[in-house]
Protein backbone atom coordinates (compact mmCIF):
# COMPACT_ATOMS: atom_id res chain seq x y z
CA MET A 1 156.39 139.33 52.55
CA GLU A 2 155.37 141.52 49.77
CA ARG A 3 154.01 138.35 48.06
CA ILE A 4 151.92 137.68 51.42
CA ALA A 5 150.50 140.88 51.12
CA ARG A 6 149.22 140.91 47.63
CA LEU A 7 148.33 137.25 47.99
CA ALA A 8 146.07 138.61 51.04
CA VAL A 9 144.37 141.69 48.84
CA ALA A 10 143.82 139.59 45.94
CA PHE A 11 142.05 136.32 48.18
CA PRO A 12 140.80 137.90 51.49
CA THR A 13 138.26 135.55 52.09
CA THR A 14 141.09 132.42 51.24
CA VAL A 15 143.40 134.14 53.91
CA LEU A 16 141.08 134.86 56.48
CA MET A 17 139.91 131.41 56.68
CA ALA A 18 143.33 129.77 56.43
CA VAL A 19 143.83 132.04 59.59
CA LEU A 20 140.56 131.16 61.41
CA ALA A 21 141.47 127.21 60.85
CA ILE A 22 144.98 127.86 61.91
CA LEU A 23 143.45 129.63 65.76
CA LEU A 24 140.78 127.20 65.88
CA LEU A 25 143.33 124.22 65.51
CA GLY A 26 146.11 126.00 68.02
CA TYR A 27 142.80 126.59 70.52
CA ILE A 28 141.54 122.99 70.04
CA SER A 29 145.51 121.90 70.65
CA LEU A 30 146.04 123.84 73.87
CA GLN A 31 142.68 122.52 75.39
CA GLN A 32 144.22 119.09 75.06
CA LEU A 33 147.50 119.70 75.60
CA GLY A 34 148.50 117.74 79.13
CA VAL A 35 150.19 119.55 81.73
CA ASP A 36 153.10 117.35 83.93
CA LEU A 37 152.03 118.26 87.20
CA PHE A 38 154.71 116.11 89.03
CA PRO A 39 158.03 115.97 86.31
CA ASP A 40 160.26 113.41 86.01
CA LEU A 41 162.95 115.29 88.43
CA SER A 42 166.50 113.78 90.05
CA ASN A 43 166.59 115.10 93.26
CA PRO A 44 170.31 116.29 93.95
CA ARG A 45 170.19 115.00 97.25
CA LEU A 46 171.49 111.95 98.99
CA PHE A 47 171.10 110.96 102.79
CA ILE A 48 173.30 108.79 104.97
CA GLU A 49 171.47 107.34 107.82
CA VAL A 50 173.59 106.43 111.09
CA ALA A 51 172.19 103.88 113.78
CA ALA A 52 174.05 103.22 116.70
CA GLY A 53 172.30 101.78 119.83
CA GLU A 54 172.50 104.64 122.55
CA GLU A 55 175.69 106.16 122.21
CA PRO A 56 175.57 109.79 123.03
CA PRO A 57 175.23 112.37 120.62
CA GLU A 58 178.34 114.03 121.30
CA GLU A 59 180.00 110.51 120.81
CA MET A 60 177.86 110.10 117.55
CA GLU A 61 179.47 113.41 116.25
CA ARG A 62 183.13 112.39 116.86
CA ARG A 63 182.89 108.83 115.97
CA TYR A 64 180.61 109.06 112.96
CA VAL A 65 179.26 112.71 111.61
CA THR A 66 182.45 114.71 111.30
CA PRO A 67 184.27 112.33 109.41
CA MET A 68 181.53 111.51 107.68
CA GLU A 69 180.96 115.20 106.53
CA ALA A 70 184.71 115.55 105.58
CA ALA A 71 184.41 112.29 103.61
CA ALA A 72 181.20 113.58 101.88
CA ALA A 73 182.70 116.78 101.21
CA ARG A 74 184.95 115.51 98.85
CA GLY A 75 182.80 114.23 96.66
CA ARG A 76 182.39 115.88 92.68
CA GLY A 77 179.61 118.72 92.68
CA VAL A 78 179.01 118.69 96.36
CA GLU A 79 177.48 122.39 97.40
CA ARG A 80 176.58 121.53 101.09
CA VAL A 81 176.45 119.05 103.74
CA VAL A 82 174.18 119.31 106.81
CA SER A 83 173.78 117.06 109.81
CA ILE A 84 171.42 116.40 112.53
CA VAL A 85 172.57 113.99 115.34
CA GLN A 86 170.49 112.78 118.56
CA THR A 87 171.16 109.66 120.28
CA GLY A 88 171.75 106.55 118.67
CA ARG A 89 170.95 108.06 115.38
CA ALA A 90 172.43 110.85 112.86
CA GLN A 91 171.23 111.80 109.81
CA VAL A 92 173.54 113.11 106.94
CA THR A 93 172.33 115.35 104.19
CA VAL A 94 174.74 116.11 101.14
CA GLN A 95 173.29 118.67 98.62
CA TYR A 96 174.57 118.05 94.87
CA GLY A 97 174.08 121.05 92.11
CA TRP A 98 171.16 120.34 89.84
CA ALA A 99 173.78 119.38 86.88
CA ALA A 100 175.26 116.62 88.91
CA ASP A 101 175.04 113.03 87.64
CA MET A 102 172.91 111.58 90.86
CA ASP A 103 173.41 107.95 89.72
CA GLU A 104 177.54 108.48 89.66
CA ALA A 105 177.32 110.45 92.90
CA TYR A 106 175.24 107.73 94.79
CA LEU A 107 177.93 105.28 93.88
CA ASP A 108 180.93 107.37 94.97
CA LEU A 109 179.07 107.96 98.40
CA GLN A 110 178.32 104.39 99.23
CA LYS A 111 182.33 103.73 98.31
CA ALA A 112 183.19 106.87 100.74
CA MET A 113 181.06 105.46 103.49
CA ALA A 114 181.79 101.72 103.23
CA ASP A 115 185.07 101.88 105.13
CA PHE A 116 182.62 103.36 108.34
CA GLY A 117 180.39 100.29 108.20
CA GLN A 118 183.28 98.21 108.43
CA ARG A 119 184.85 99.88 111.21
CA ASN A 120 182.19 100.03 113.36
CA ASP A 121 180.33 96.57 113.56
CA GLU A 122 177.81 97.78 116.24
CA SER A 123 176.70 100.75 113.74
CA THR A 124 174.18 100.50 110.66
CA ILE A 125 175.04 102.78 107.78
CA THR A 126 172.57 103.37 105.04
CA VAL A 127 173.03 105.75 101.95
CA SER A 128 169.52 106.93 100.08
CA GLN A 129 168.25 108.92 97.78
CA GLN A 130 165.20 110.45 97.80
CA ASP A 131 163.06 110.28 94.78
CA PRO A 132 160.14 112.82 94.33
CA ASN A 133 158.54 109.86 91.94
CA ALA A 134 159.08 107.56 94.34
CA VAL A 135 155.42 107.81 96.32
CA PRO A 136 153.67 105.10 97.40
CA VAL A 137 150.64 103.95 95.07
CA ILE A 138 149.27 101.48 97.43
CA VAL A 139 148.90 101.40 101.12
CA ALA A 140 147.80 98.74 102.82
CA ALA A 141 146.74 97.17 106.47
CA PHE A 142 146.00 93.75 107.72
CA TYR A 143 145.12 92.04 110.89
CA HIS A 144 144.38 88.61 111.95
CA PRO A 145 141.04 87.99 113.84
CA ASP A 146 142.38 84.97 115.95
CA SER A 147 145.67 86.75 117.17
CA ASP A 148 146.22 89.89 119.32
CA ASP A 149 150.07 89.50 119.06
CA PRO A 150 151.54 92.50 117.43
CA ASP A 151 154.88 91.18 117.07
CA ALA A 152 153.62 88.10 115.15
CA LEU A 153 151.45 90.01 112.60
CA ARG A 154 154.97 92.30 112.31
CA GLN A 155 157.15 88.98 111.82
CA THR A 156 154.60 87.73 109.16
CA ALA A 157 154.17 91.20 107.30
CA GLU A 158 158.20 91.63 107.48
CA SER A 159 159.49 88.01 106.09
CA ILE A 160 156.34 86.79 104.15
CA ILE A 161 154.38 89.26 102.70
CA ARG A 162 157.02 92.19 101.83
CA ASN A 163 159.10 89.49 100.46
CA GLU A 164 156.14 88.41 98.14
CA LEU A 165 155.32 91.96 97.20
CA ILE A 166 158.49 92.80 96.34
CA ARG A 167 159.01 89.96 93.61
CA LEU A 168 155.74 91.57 91.87
CA PRO A 169 156.44 93.17 88.59
CA GLY A 170 156.53 97.07 88.45
CA VAL A 171 157.41 97.26 92.42
CA ALA A 172 160.07 99.55 93.44
CA ALA A 173 160.19 99.08 96.96
CA VAL A 174 157.84 98.07 99.86
CA GLU A 175 158.05 99.97 103.28
CA LEU A 176 156.72 98.64 106.75
CA VAL A 177 155.33 101.35 108.98
CA GLY A 178 153.23 101.51 112.30
CA ALA A 179 154.82 97.97 113.25
CA ARG A 180 155.53 97.02 116.85
CA GLN A 181 158.72 95.75 117.65
CA MET A 182 159.42 93.72 120.91
CA GLU A 183 162.40 95.02 123.25
CA VAL A 184 163.60 93.48 126.66
CA GLU A 185 163.91 95.61 129.55
CA ILE A 186 166.57 95.56 132.01
CA LEU A 187 164.89 96.60 135.87
CA ALA A 188 167.84 96.55 138.08
CA ASP A 189 167.69 96.64 141.61
CA ALA A 190 169.44 99.56 143.63
CA LEU A 191 169.86 97.89 146.79
CA THR A 192 171.42 94.86 145.08
CA LEU A 193 173.69 96.90 143.16
CA ASP A 194 175.09 98.83 146.04
CA ALA A 195 175.34 95.65 147.78
CA PHE A 196 177.92 94.14 144.89
CA GLY A 197 179.44 97.16 144.22
CA LEU A 198 177.89 97.74 141.11
CA THR A 199 176.38 100.79 139.05
CA VAL A 200 173.25 100.84 136.29
CA GLU A 201 176.05 101.92 133.84
CA THR A 202 178.19 99.24 134.48
CA VAL A 203 175.49 96.34 134.06
CA ALA A 204 174.20 98.43 130.71
CA GLY A 205 178.03 98.35 129.56
CA ALA A 206 178.13 94.63 130.37
CA VAL A 207 175.26 93.93 128.28
CA GLN A 208 175.88 96.17 125.53
CA ARG A 209 179.68 94.35 124.98
CA ALA A 210 178.29 91.32 125.05
CA ASN A 211 175.69 91.72 122.30
CA ARG A 212 178.18 92.27 119.52
CA ASN A 213 179.18 90.67 116.44
CA LEU A 214 182.75 91.05 115.81
CA ALA A 215 185.01 90.90 112.92
CA GLY A 216 187.97 88.77 113.37
CA GLY A 217 189.78 89.34 110.40
CA SER A 218 190.19 86.46 107.46
CA ILE A 219 192.22 83.29 106.69
CA THR A 220 193.19 82.32 103.25
CA GLU A 221 193.33 78.37 102.54
CA MET A 222 193.41 76.72 99.19
CA GLY A 223 193.53 80.35 97.07
CA ARG A 224 190.26 81.03 98.90
CA ARG A 225 189.76 83.87 101.21
CA TYR A 226 187.38 83.66 104.37
CA VAL A 227 186.12 86.35 106.43
CA ILE A 228 185.83 85.17 110.17
CA ARG A 229 183.13 86.69 112.26
CA GLY A 230 182.18 86.66 115.80
CA VAL A 231 178.72 86.48 116.22
CA GLY A 232 177.51 87.43 119.72
CA GLU A 233 173.95 88.65 119.69
CA PHE A 234 171.35 87.84 122.13
CA GLU A 235 168.86 85.59 120.65
CA SER A 236 166.86 84.68 123.76
CA VAL A 237 165.92 86.87 127.05
CA ALA A 238 168.02 83.87 128.94
CA GLU A 239 171.14 84.51 127.32
CA ILE A 240 170.84 88.06 128.52
CA GLU A 241 170.62 86.60 132.00
CA ASP A 242 173.51 84.43 132.02
CA VAL A 243 175.81 87.91 131.22
CA ILE A 244 178.34 88.34 133.86
CA VAL A 245 178.59 91.65 134.98
CA GLY A 246 181.06 91.88 137.87
CA TYR A 247 182.25 89.81 140.75
CA SER A 248 181.62 89.57 144.21
CA LYS A 249 185.01 87.42 144.54
CA PRO A 250 187.71 86.92 142.47
CA ASP A 251 185.97 83.50 141.69
CA ALA A 252 182.70 84.25 142.02
CA SER A 253 180.54 85.85 139.42
CA VAL A 254 177.40 88.09 139.11
CA GLU A 255 175.08 87.54 136.32
CA THR A 256 172.53 89.89 135.16
CA ARG A 257 170.05 87.99 136.54
CA THR A 258 171.13 88.68 140.00
CA PRO A 259 170.81 92.70 140.61
CA SER A 260 168.19 93.07 137.89
CA ASP A 261 165.38 91.23 136.09
CA PRO A 262 165.30 91.08 132.30
CA ASN A 263 161.83 91.09 130.60
CA SER A 264 160.37 91.01 127.50
CA GLY A 265 157.37 93.49 126.12
CA GLU A 266 156.22 96.17 123.92
CA PRO A 267 158.56 99.51 123.89
């Protein structure tokens, strides 16, 4: 410090110019310093989405949410587990600490949830991680001037355009929103139901049981293991009409078309 003081006294102009140069350089650097308004963060949350048709909230909580919360809470670094349940859908949010390795946590949670998907063929279970940096950079809309069928546009966007976009270099994900999907309504006649001794719940239950893909175990042949799966989901309205919902006599069945009228249309 004494040598610096002597130098400042001996060469005041030189020292003053050096200090001014340092201050000027610092000011210029400060003005050009970039500010990261959206830093690279790894959000310590994982989401479990469950879709199970028209299951009531009580059944969703009993069959899915409660065991999933217990399985997720056993994971390393888990601080909090919360859930939202509604008819046919549920979301379980797993909160981790900021020091947790989210890639490892994601794999562990996927393994823990894989067993639920195998035991419940009628449900869809998805594990996802919300990345704050994964925001859309391009939003595109399209239409066809010669077509007024929204379902055809949705199928084209989902099966063709989306698959082509996802192959482009640098594209992480492509999400389709705002598309209308076709659904089938079964309009039951109350008088006909009463005449056959049926109820709306009976018809709905028969249709739901018929519209399922079931696992049938596996077989091993010549050193290879083959998984057996029964495919029974409906592919047309005619298949719904042929579902047996009851019997008017021991040898006379009642199909869906008898007490009701299935028809397809927009939701």
